[in-house]
């Protein structure tokens, strides 16, 4: 991974979903439902069909513009970044104990 690719990846991990849609996106991700249909989410909050559409759309964009386009998709709640799904789905089994 080149330095510019690493900085773009870091930029994507810091992108926040628009506040108006964040609850819907979070709820769908927690339940494992695709952000665009009722199928089971497989990757980045998308079912297989929608993930392939995302991949193809991204591949059709010039490489120099892909990172900005992907950030826009994350911000619009159309796809999750790689770490968002882990943050949303992860639960801390110790937090229940410490709250008591």
PDB file of N, CA and C in Angstrom:
ATOM      1  N   UNK A   1       0.848  -1.173   0.000  1.00  0.00           N
ATOM      2  CA  UNK A   1       0.000   0.000   0.000  1.00  0.00           C
ATOM      3  C   UNK A   1       0.897   1.241   0.000  1.00  0.00           C
ATOM      4  N   UNK A   2       0.665   2.138  -0.904  1.00  0.00           N
ATOM      5  CA  UNK A   2       1.446   3.367  -1.007  1.00  0.00           C
ATOM      6  C   UNK A   2       1.000   4.373   0.043  1.00  0.00           C
ATOM      7  N   UNK A   3       1.863   5.363   0.292  1.00  0.00           N
ATOM      8  CA  UNK A   3       1.543   6.391   1.289  1.00  0.00           C
ATOM      9  C   UNK A   3       0.248   7.120   1.007  1.00  0.00           C
ATOM     10  N   UNK A   4      -0.011   7.447  -0.273  1.00  0.00           N
ATOM     11  CA  UNK A   4      -1.244   8.159  -0.616  1.00  0.00           C
ATOM     12  C   UNK A   4      -2.465   7.280  -0.401  1.00  0.00           C
ATOM     13  N   UNK A   5      -2.318   5.979  -0.650  1.00  0.00           N
ATOM     14  CA  UNK A   5      -3.432   5.050  -0.423  1.00  0.00           C
ATOM     15  C   UNK A   5      -3.724   4.910   1.065  1.00  0.00           C
ATOM     16  N   UNK A   6      -2.682   4.898   1.871  1.00  0.00           N
ATOM     17  CA  UNK A   6      -2.858   4.800   3.323  1.00  0.00           C
ATOM     18  C   UNK A   6      -3.573   6.043   3.846  1.00  0.00           C
ATOM     19  N   UNK A   7      -3.172   7.218   3.382  1.00  0.00           N
ATOM     20  CA  UNK A   7      -3.833   8.437   3.863  1.00  0.00           C
ATOM     21  C   UNK A   7      -5.293   8.490   3.423  1.00  0.00           C
ATOM     22  N   UNK A   8      -5.597   8.001   2.238  1.00  0.00           N
ATOM     23  CA  UNK A   8      -7.006   7.946   1.791  1.00  0.00           C
ATOM     24  C   UNK A   8      -7.800   6.978   2.647  1.00  0.00           C
ATOM     25  N   UNK A   9      -7.195   5.826   2.981  1.00  0.00           N
ATOM     26  CA  UNK A   9      -7.883   4.838   3.808  1.00  0.00           C
ATOM     27  C   UNK A   9      -8.168   5.431   5.184  1.00  0.00           C
ATOM     28  N   UNK A  10      -7.195   6.126   5.753  1.00  0.00           N
ATOM     29  CA  UNK A  10      -7.398   6.767   7.052  1.00  0.00           C
ATOM     30  C   UNK A  10      -8.515   7.800   6.955  1.00  0.00           C
ATOM     31  N   UNK A  11      -8.546   8.561   5.870  1.00  0.00           N
ATOM     32  CA  UNK A  11      -9.598   9.559   5.664  1.00  0.00           C
ATOM     33  C   UNK A  11     -10.960   8.874   5.655  1.00  0.00           C
ATOM     34  N   UNK A  12     -11.079   7.728   4.992  1.00  0.00           N
ATOM     35  CA  UNK A  12     -12.362   7.033   4.911  1.00  0.00           C
ATOM     36  C   UNK A  12     -12.805   6.496   6.260  1.00  0.00           C
ATOM     37  N   UNK A  13     -11.859   6.091   7.112  1.00  0.00           N
ATOM     38  CA  UNK A  13     -12.239   5.557   8.421  1.00  0.00           C
ATOM     39  C   UNK A  13     -12.779   6.641   9.336  1.00  0.00           C
ATOM     40  N   UNK A  14     -12.485   7.900   9.018  1.00  0.00           N
ATOM     41  CA  UNK A  14     -12.935   9.014   9.847  1.00  0.00           C
ATOM     42  C   UNK A  14     -14.220   9.663   9.346  1.00  0.00           C
ATOM     43  N   UNK A  15     -14.749   9.214   8.230  1.00  0.00           N
ATOM     44  CA  UNK A  15     -15.949   9.804   7.642  1.00  0.00           C
ATOM     45  C   UNK A  15     -17.155   9.456   8.506  1.00  0.00           C
ATOM     46  N   UNK A  16     -17.972  10.438   8.760  1.00  0.00           N
ATOM     47  CA  UNK A  16     -19.187  10.235   9.544  1.00  0.00           C
ATOM     48  C   UNK A  16     -20.402  10.251   8.622  1.00  0.00           C
ATOM     49  N   UNK A  17     -21.343   9.374   8.895  1.00  0.00           N
ATOM     50  CA  UNK A  17     -22.596   9.326   8.150  1.00  0.00           C
ATOM     51  C   UNK A  17     -23.402  10.574   8.511  1.00  0.00           C
ATOM     52  N   UNK A  18     -24.118  11.113   7.538  1.00  0.00           N
ATOM     53  CA  UNK A  18     -24.955  12.287   7.795  1.00  0.00           C
ATOM     54  C   UNK A  18     -25.906  11.999   8.957  1.00  0.00           C
ATOM     55  N   UNK A  19     -26.027  12.945   9.834  1.00  0.00           N
ATOM     56  CA  UNK A  19     -26.823  12.776  11.056  1.00  0.00           C
ATOM     57  C   UNK A  19     -28.269  12.371  10.772  1.00  0.00           C
ATOM     58  N   UNK A  20     -28.868  12.923   9.726  1.00  0.00           N
ATOM     59  CA  UNK A  20     -30.277  12.656   9.415  1.00  0.00           C
ATOM     60  C   UNK A  20     -30.549  11.182   9.113  1.00  0.00           C
ATOM     61  N   UNK A  21     -29.552  10.466   8.638  1.00  0.00           N
ATOM     62  CA  UNK A  21     -29.777   9.060   8.267  1.00  0.00           C
ATOM     63  C   UNK A  21     -28.979   8.081   9.119  1.00  0.00           C
ATOM     64  N   UNK A  22     -28.196   8.581  10.064  1.00  0.00           N
ATOM     65  CA  UNK A  22     -27.309   7.698  10.824  1.00  0.00           C
ATOM     66  C   UNK A  22     -28.057   6.646  11.645  1.00  0.00           C
ATOM     67  N   UNK A  23     -29.217   6.980  12.204  1.00  0.00           N
ATOM     68  CA  UNK A  23     -29.960   5.999  13.002  1.00  0.00           C
ATOM     69  C   UNK A  23     -30.451   4.847  12.137  1.00  0.00           C
ATOM     70  N   UNK A  24     -30.984   5.150  10.976  1.00  0.00           N
ATOM     71  CA  UNK A  24     -31.468   4.104  10.072  1.00  0.00           C
ATOM     72  C   UNK A  24     -30.312   3.204   9.640  1.00  0.00           C
ATOM     73  N   UNK A  25     -29.198   3.812   9.272  1.00  0.00           N
ATOM     74  CA  UNK A  25     -28.029   3.046   8.834  1.00  0.00           C
ATOM     75  C   UNK A  25     -27.524   2.174   9.974  1.00  0.00           C
ATOM     76  N   UNK A  26     -27.415   2.733  11.168  1.00  0.00           N
ATOM     77  CA  UNK A  26     -26.933   1.980  12.327  1.00  0.00           C
ATOM     78  C   UNK A  26     -27.863   0.820  12.655  1.00  0.00           C
ATOM     79  N   UNK A  27     -29.169   1.057  12.646  1.00  0.00           N
ATOM     80  CA  UNK A  27     -30.135  -0.006  12.939  1.00  0.00           C
ATOM     81  C   UNK A  27     -30.038  -1.146  11.936  1.00  0.00           C
ATOM     82  N   UNK A  28     -29.918  -0.814  10.653  1.00  0.00           N
ATOM     83  CA  UNK A  28     -29.817  -1.856   9.622  1.00  0.00           C
ATOM     84  C   UNK A  28     -28.513  -2.637   9.768  1.00  0.00           C
ATOM     85  N   UNK A  29     -27.436  -1.934  10.070  1.00  0.00           N
ATOM     86  CA  UNK A  29     -26.143  -2.607  10.229  1.00  0.00           C
ATOM     87  C   UNK A  29     -26.151  -3.526  11.447  1.00  0.00           C
ATOM     88  N   UNK A  30     -26.763  -3.081  12.539  1.00  0.00           N
ATOM     89  CA  UNK A  30     -26.826  -3.907  13.746  1.00  0.00           C
ATOM     90  C   UNK A  30     -27.604  -5.192  13.516  1.00  0.00           C
ATOM     91  N   UNK A  31     -28.641  -5.109  12.713  1.00  0.00           N
ATOM     92  CA  UNK A  31     -29.467  -6.297  12.458  1.00  0.00           C
ATOM     93  C   UNK A  31     -28.965  -7.116  11.283  1.00  0.00           C
ATOM     94  N   UNK A  32     -27.917  -6.630  10.610  1.00  0.00           N
ATOM     95  CA  UNK A  32     -27.341  -7.388   9.501  1.00  0.00           C
ATOM     96  C   UNK A  32     -28.151  -7.342   8.225  1.00  0.00           C
ATOM     97  N   UNK A  33     -28.940  -6.277   8.054  1.00  0.00           N
ATOM     98  CA  UNK A  33     -29.769  -6.115   6.861  1.00  0.00           C
ATOM     99  C   UNK A  33     -29.078  -5.134   5.915  1.00  0.00           C
ATOM    100  N   UNK A  34     -29.126  -5.438   4.630  1.00  0.00           N
ATOM    101  CA  UNK A  34     -28.542  -4.573   3.608  1.00  0.00           C
ATOM    102  C   UNK A  34     -29.095  -3.151   3.741  1.00  0.00           C
ATOM    103  N   UNK A  35     -28.248  -2.178   3.461  1.00  0.00           N
ATOM    104  CA  UNK A  35     -28.669  -0.771   3.542  1.00  0.00           C
ATOM    105  C   UNK A  35     -29.695  -0.400   2.479  1.00  0.00           C
ATOM    106  N   UNK A  36     -29.849  -1.243   1.436  1.00  0.00           N
ATOM    107  CA  UNK A  36     -30.718  -0.890   0.307  1.00  0.00           C
ATOM    108  C   UNK A  36     -31.882  -1.847   0.072  1.00  0.00           C
ATOM    109  N   UNK A  37     -31.872  -2.997   0.728  1.00  0.00           N
ATOM    110  CA  UNK A  37     -32.976  -3.952   0.551  1.00  0.00           C
ATOM    111  C   UNK A  37     -33.094  -4.791   1.828  1.00  0.00           C
ATOM    112  N   UNK A  38     -33.894  -5.791   1.801  1.00  0.00           N
ATOM    113  CA  UNK A  38     -34.120  -6.606   2.994  1.00  0.00           C
ATOM    114  C   UNK A  38     -33.248  -7.856   3.057  1.00  0.00           C
ATOM    115  N   UNK A  39     -32.304  -7.993   2.140  1.00  0.00           N
ATOM    116  CA  UNK A  39     -31.405  -9.152   2.137  1.00  0.00           C
ATOM    117  C   UNK A  39     -30.369  -9.026   3.246  1.00  0.00           C
ATOM    118  N   UNK A  40     -29.721 -10.131   3.535  1.00  0.00           N
ATOM    119  CA  UNK A  40     -28.677 -10.151   4.548  1.00  0.00           C
ATOM    120  C   UNK A  40     -27.439  -9.417   4.050  1.00  0.00           C
ATOM    121  N   UNK A  41     -26.908  -8.533   4.874  1.00  0.00           N
ATOM    122  CA  UNK A  41     -25.698  -7.790   4.522  1.00  0.00           C
ATOM    123  C   UNK A  41     -24.492  -8.712   4.624  1.00  0.00           C
ATOM    124  N   UNK A  42     -23.644  -8.673   3.616  1.00  0.00           N
ATOM    125  CA  UNK A  42     -22.447  -9.515   3.585  1.00  0.00           C
ATOM    126  C   UNK A  42     -21.176  -8.702   3.794  1.00  0.00           C
ATOM    127  N   UNK A  43     -21.046  -7.588   3.080  1.00  0.00           N
ATOM    128  CA  UNK A  43     -19.850  -6.753   3.152  1.00  0.00           C
ATOM    129  C   UNK A  43     -20.243  -5.281   3.186  1.00  0.00           C
ATOM    130  N   UNK A  44     -19.615  -4.565   4.091  1.00  0.00           N
ATOM    131  CA  UNK A  44     -19.765  -3.112   4.181  1.00  0.00           C
ATOM    132  C   UNK A  44     -21.217  -2.649   4.255  1.00  0.00           C
ATOM    133  N   UNK A  45     -22.061  -3.463   4.885  1.00  0.00           N
ATOM    134  CA  UNK A  45     -23.460  -3.107   5.060  1.00  0.00           C
ATOM    135  C   UNK A  45     -24.321  -3.405   3.851  1.00  0.00           C
ATOM    136  N   UNK A  46     -23.792  -4.131   2.896  1.00  0.00           N
ATOM    137  CA  UNK A  46     -24.510  -4.422   1.653  1.00  0.00           C
ATOM    138  C   UNK A  46     -24.659  -5.918   1.429  1.00  0.00           C
ATOM    139  N   UNK A  47     -25.742  -6.296   0.782  1.00  0.00           N
ATOM    140  CA  UNK A  47     -25.921  -7.680   0.347  1.00  0.00           C
ATOM    141  C   UNK A  47     -24.984  -7.914  -0.844  1.00  0.00           C
ATOM    142  N   UNK A  48     -24.888  -9.137  -1.295  1.00  0.00           N
ATOM    143  CA  UNK A  48     -23.989  -9.463  -2.411  1.00  0.00           C
ATOM    144  C   UNK A  48     -24.312  -8.651  -3.659  1.00  0.00           C
ATOM    145  N   UNK A  49     -25.598  -8.541  -3.983  1.00  0.00           N
ATOM    146  CA  UNK A  49     -26.019  -7.809  -5.188  1.00  0.00           C
ATOM    147  C   UNK A  49     -25.592  -6.340  -5.122  1.00  0.00           C
ATOM    148  N   UNK A  50     -25.897  -5.674  -4.012  1.00  0.00           N
ATOM    149  CA  UNK A  50     -25.584  -4.255  -3.906  1.00  0.00           C
ATOM    150  C   UNK A  50     -24.082  -4.008  -3.730  1.00  0.00           C
ATOM    151  N   UNK A  51     -23.370  -4.940  -3.122  1.00  0.00           N
ATOM    152  CA  UNK A  51     -21.924  -4.793  -3.014  1.00  0.00           C
ATOM    153  C   UNK A  51     -21.281  -4.866  -4.400  1.00  0.00           C
ATOM    154  N   UNK A  52     -21.756  -5.776  -5.240  1.00  0.00           N
ATOM    155  CA  UNK A  52     -21.227  -5.873  -6.607  1.00  0.00           C
ATOM    156  C   UNK A  52     -21.534  -4.608  -7.397  1.00  0.00           C
ATOM    157  N   UNK A  53     -22.728  -4.051  -7.221  1.00  0.00           N
ATOM    158  CA  UNK A  53     -23.069  -2.794  -7.895  1.00  0.00           C
ATOM    159  C   UNK A  53     -22.137  -1.677  -7.432  1.00  0.00           C
ATOM    160  N   UNK A  54     -21.865  -1.627  -6.144  1.00  0.00           N
ATOM    161  CA  UNK A  54     -20.944  -0.636  -5.587  1.00  0.00           C
ATOM    162  C   UNK A  54     -19.551  -0.811  -6.190  1.00  0.00           C
ATOM    163  N   UNK A  55     -19.058  -2.044  -6.208  1.00  0.00           N
ATOM    164  CA  UNK A  55     -17.723  -2.319  -6.758  1.00  0.00           C
ATOM    165  C   UNK A  55     -17.616  -1.909  -8.219  1.00  0.00           C
ATOM    166  N   UNK A  56     -18.632  -2.259  -9.007  1.00  0.00           N
ATOM    167  CA  UNK A  56     -18.616  -1.915 -10.435  1.00  0.00           C
ATOM    168  C   UNK A  56     -18.673  -0.404 -10.648  1.00  0.00           C
ATOM    169  N   UNK A  57     -19.512   0.266  -9.874  1.00  0.00           N
ATOM    170  CA  UNK A  57     -19.616   1.724 -10.003  1.00  0.00           C
ATOM    171  C   UNK A  57     -18.281   2.380  -9.640  1.00  0.00           C
ATOM    172  N   UNK A  58     -17.646   1.887  -8.601  1.00  0.00           N
ATOM    173  CA  UNK A  58     -16.360   2.443  -8.189  1.00  0.00           C
ATOM    174  C   UNK A  58     -15.294   2.193  -9.256  1.00  0.00           C
ATOM    175  N   UNK A  59     -15.293   0.998  -9.841  1.00  0.00           N
ATOM    176  CA  UNK A  59     -14.307   0.649 -10.868  1.00  0.00           C
ATOM    177  C   UNK A  59     -14.462   1.500 -12.124  1.00  0.00           C
ATOM    178  N   UNK A  60     -15.670   1.991 -12.376  1.00  0.00           N
ATOM    179  CA  UNK A  60     -15.937   2.792 -13.573  1.00  0.00           C
ATOM    180  C   UNK A  60     -15.441   4.239 -13.433  1.00  0.00           C
ATOM    181  N   UNK A  61     -15.078   4.620 -12.220  1.00  0.00           N
ATOM    182  CA  UNK A  61     -14.617   5.981 -11.949  1.00  0.00           C
ATOM    183  C   UNK A  61     -13.093   6.006 -12.065  1.00  0.00           C
ATOM    184  N   UNK A  62     -12.535   7.091 -12.602  1.00  0.00           N
ATOM    185  CA  UNK A  62     -11.072   7.182 -12.663  1.00  0.00           C
ATOM    186  C   UNK A  62     -10.451   6.975 -11.278  1.00  0.00           C
ATOM    187  N   UNK A  63      -9.358   6.256 -11.231  1.00  0.00           N
ATOM    188  CA  UNK A  63      -8.714   5.910  -9.959  1.00  0.00           C
ATOM    189  C   UNK A  63      -8.455   7.136  -9.081  1.00  0.00           C
ATOM    190  N   UNK A  64      -8.096   8.248  -9.700  1.00  0.00           N
ATOM    191  CA  UNK A  64      -7.794   9.463  -8.932  1.00  0.00           C
ATOM    192  C   UNK A  64      -9.018  10.042  -8.227  1.00  0.00           C
ATOM    193  N   UNK A  65     -10.217   9.633  -8.657  1.00  0.00           N
ATOM    194  CA  UNK A  65     -11.455  10.155  -8.077  1.00  0.00           C
ATOM    195  C   UNK A  65     -12.170   9.140  -7.188  1.00  0.00           C
ATOM    196  N   UNK A  66     -11.687   7.907  -7.146  1.00  0.00           N
ATOM    197  CA  UNK A  66     -12.375   6.839  -6.425  1.00  0.00           C
ATOM    198  C   UNK A  66     -12.496   7.101  -4.925  1.00  0.00           C
ATOM    199  N   UNK A  67     -11.433   7.575  -4.304  1.00  0.00           N
ATOM    200  CA  UNK A  67     -11.467   7.796  -2.857  1.00  0.00           C
ATOM    201  C   UNK A  67     -12.508   8.850  -2.483  1.00  0.00           C
ATOM    202  N   UNK A  68     -12.533   9.950  -3.230  1.00  0.00           N
ATOM    203  CA  UNK A  68     -13.520  11.003  -2.940  1.00  0.00           C
ATOM    204  C   UNK A  68     -14.941  10.492  -3.157  1.00  0.00           C
ATOM    205  N   UNK A  69     -15.140   9.713  -4.211  1.00  0.00           N
ATOM    206  CA  UNK A  69     -16.459   9.142  -4.493  1.00  0.00           C
ATOM    207  C   UNK A  69     -16.881   8.203  -3.368  1.00  0.00           C
ATOM    208  N   UNK A  70     -15.936   7.384  -2.904  1.00  0.00           N
ATOM    209  CA  UNK A  70     -16.253   6.438  -1.839  1.00  0.00           C
ATOM    210  C   UNK A  70     -16.589   7.167  -0.541  1.00  0.00           C
ATOM    211  N   UNK A  71     -15.868   8.221  -0.228  1.00  0.00           N
ATOM    212  CA  UNK A  71     -16.164   9.029   0.958  1.00  0.00           C
ATOM    213  C   UNK A  71     -17.585   9.585   0.867  1.00  0.00           C
ATOM    214  N   UNK A  72     -17.960  10.042  -0.305  1.00  0.00           N
ATOM    215  CA  UNK A  72     -19.313  10.570  -0.517  1.00  0.00           C
ATOM    216  C   UNK A  72     -20.364   9.479  -0.285  1.00  0.00           C
ATOM    217  N   UNK A  73     -20.095   8.271  -0.748  1.00  0.00           N
ATOM    218  CA  UNK A  73     -21.033   7.161  -0.561  1.00  0.00           C
ATOM    219  C   UNK A  73     -21.174   6.800   0.913  1.00  0.00           C
ATOM    220  N   UNK A  74     -20.057   6.838   1.636  1.00  0.00           N
ATOM    221  CA  UNK A  74     -20.089   6.558   3.078  1.00  0.00           C
ATOM    222  C   UNK A  74     -20.880   7.641   3.794  1.00  0.00           C
ATOM    223  N   UNK A  75     -20.596   8.885   3.485  1.00  0.00           N
ATOM    224  CA  UNK A  75     -21.272  10.021   4.126  1.00  0.00           C
ATOM    225  C   UNK A  75     -22.781   9.977   3.871  1.00  0.00           C
ATOM    226  N   UNK A  76     -23.173   9.542   2.667  1.00  0.00           N
ATOM    227  CA  UNK A  76     -24.591   9.463   2.313  1.00  0.00           C
ATOM    228  C   UNK A  76     -25.270   8.205   2.852  1.00  0.00           C
ATOM    229  N   UNK A  77     -24.516   7.353   3.536  1.00  0.00           N
ATOM    230  CA  UNK A  77     -25.088   6.140   4.120  1.00  0.00           C
ATOM    231  C   UNK A  77     -25.380   5.048   3.107  1.00  0.00           C
ATOM    232  N   UNK A  78     -24.751   5.115   1.945  1.00  0.00           N
ATOM    233  CA  UNK A  78     -24.989   4.113   0.904  1.00  0.00           C
ATOM    234  C   UNK A  78     -24.111   2.887   1.077  1.00  0.00           C
ATOM    235  N   UNK A  79     -23.026   3.037   1.815  1.00  0.00           N
ATOM    236  CA  UNK A  79     -22.102   1.944   2.097  1.00  0.00           C
ATOM    237  C   UNK A  79     -21.371   2.308   3.385  1.00  0.00           C
ATOM    238  N   UNK A  80     -20.942   1.299   4.130  1.00  0.00           N
ATOM    239  CA  UNK A  80     -20.184   1.558   5.343  1.00  0.00           C
ATOM    240  C   UNK A  80     -18.699   1.433   5.051  1.00  0.00           C
ATOM    241  N   UNK A  81     -17.862   2.161   5.799  1.00  0.00           N
ATOM    242  CA  UNK A  81     -16.443   1.919   5.646  1.00  0.00           C
ATOM    243  C   UNK A  81     -16.124   0.627   6.386  1.00  0.00           C
ATOM    244  N   UNK A  82     -14.973   0.082   6.149  1.00  0.00           N
ATOM    245  CA  UNK A  82     -14.619  -1.215   6.720  1.00  0.00           C
ATOM    246  C   UNK A  82     -14.710  -1.294   8.227  1.00  0.00           C
ATOM    247  N   UNK A  83     -14.385  -0.217   8.926  1.00  0.00           N
ATOM    248  CA  UNK A  83     -14.395  -0.241  10.384  1.00  0.00           C
ATOM    249  C   UNK A  83     -15.755   0.082  10.984  1.00  0.00           C
ATOM    250  N   UNK A  84     -16.597   0.794  10.262  1.00  0.00           N
ATOM    251  CA  UNK A  84     -17.911   1.157  10.809  1.00  0.00           C
ATOM    252  C   UNK A  84     -18.719  -0.076  11.180  1.00  0.00           C
ATOM    253  N   UNK A  85     -18.695  -1.077  10.338  1.00  0.00           N
ATOM    254  CA  UNK A  85     -19.492  -2.273  10.620  1.00  0.00           C
ATOM    255  C   UNK A  85     -19.002  -2.947  11.898  1.00  0.00           C
ATOM    256  N   UNK A  86     -17.696  -2.937  12.121  1.00  0.00           N
ATOM    257  CA  UNK A  86     -17.163  -3.523  13.349  1.00  0.00           C
ATOM    258  C   UNK A  86     -17.564  -2.712  14.564  1.00  0.00           C
ATOM    259  N   UNK A  87     -17.514  -1.388  14.447  1.00  0.00           N
ATOM    260  CA  UNK A  87     -17.895  -0.516  15.561  1.00  0.00           C
ATOM    261  C   UNK A  87     -19.375  -0.662  15.891  1.00  0.00           C
ATOM    262  N   UNK A  88     -20.204  -0.748  14.873  1.00  0.00           N
ATOM    263  CA  UNK A  88     -21.647  -0.821  15.077  1.00  0.00           C
ATOM    264  C   UNK A  88     -22.047  -2.168  15.666  1.00  0.00           C
ATOM    265  N   UNK A  89     -21.467  -3.241  15.158  1.00  0.00           N
ATOM    266  CA  UNK A  89     -21.863  -4.577  15.604  1.00  0.00           C
ATOM    267  C   UNK A  89     -21.203  -5.031  16.889  1.00  0.00           C
ATOM    268  N   UNK A  90     -20.053  -4.470  17.204  1.00  0.00           N
ATOM    269  CA  UNK A  90     -19.339  -4.958  18.375  1.00  0.00           C
ATOM    270  C   UNK A  90     -20.067  -4.566  19.652  1.00  0.00           C
ATOM    271  N   UNK A  91     -20.017  -5.469  20.584  1.00  0.00           N
ATOM    272  CA  UNK A  91     -20.576  -5.188  21.899  1.00  0.00           C
ATOM    273  C   UNK A  91     -19.499  -5.487  22.921  1.00  0.00           C
ATOM    274  N   UNK A  92     -19.478  -4.734  23.951  1.00  0.00           N
ATOM    275  CA  UNK A  92     -18.509  -4.934  25.013  1.00  0.00           C
ATOM    276  C   UNK A  92     -19.200  -5.695  26.131  1.00  0.00           C
ATOM    277  N   UNK A  93     -18.845  -6.952  26.285  1.00  0.00           N
ATOM    278  CA  UNK A  93     -19.492  -7.779  27.302  1.00  0.00           C
ATOM    279  C   UNK A  93     -19.159  -7.295  28.692  1.00  0.00           C
ATOM    280  N   UNK A  94     -18.109  -6.534  28.829  1.00  0.00           N
ATOM    281  CA  UNK A  94     -17.704  -6.039  30.145  1.00  0.00           C
ATOM    282  C   UNK A  94     -18.440  -4.758  30.524  1.00  0.00           C
ATOM    283  N   UNK A  95     -19.018  -4.051  29.553  1.00  0.00           N
ATOM    284  CA  UNK A  95     -19.685  -2.799  29.865  1.00  0.00           C
ATOM    285  C   UNK A  95     -20.934  -3.022  30.707  1.00  0.00           C
ATOM    286  N   UNK A  96     -21.624  -4.131  30.511  1.00  0.00           N
ATOM    287  CA  UNK A  96     -22.820  -4.428  31.305  1.00  0.00           C
ATOM    288  C   UNK A  96     -22.432  -4.620  32.776  1.00  0.00           C
ATOM    289  N   UNK A  97     -21.338  -5.286  32.990  1.00  0.00           N
ATOM    290  CA  UNK A  97     -20.870  -5.584  34.337  1.00  0.00           C
ATOM    291  C   UNK A  97     -20.447  -4.321  35.080  1.00  0.00           C
ATOM    292  N   UNK A  98     -19.768  -3.417  34.363  1.00  0.00           N
ATOM    293  CA  UNK A  98     -19.276  -2.212  35.013  1.00  0.00           C
ATOM    294  C   UNK A  98     -20.394  -1.212  35.285  1.00  0.00           C
ATOM    295  N   UNK A  99     -21.507  -1.325  34.575  1.00  0.00           N
ATOM    296  CA  UNK A  99     -22.633  -0.428  34.788  1.00  0.00           C
ATOM    297  C   UNK A  99     -23.408  -0.776  36.041  1.00  0.00           C
ATOM    298  N   UNK A 100     -23.242  -2.003  36.549  1.00  0.00           N
ATOM    299  CA  UNK A 100     -23.975  -2.454  37.733  1.00  0.00           C
ATOM    300  C   UNK A 100     -23.424  -1.861  39.002  1.00  0.00           C
TER     301      UNK A 100
END
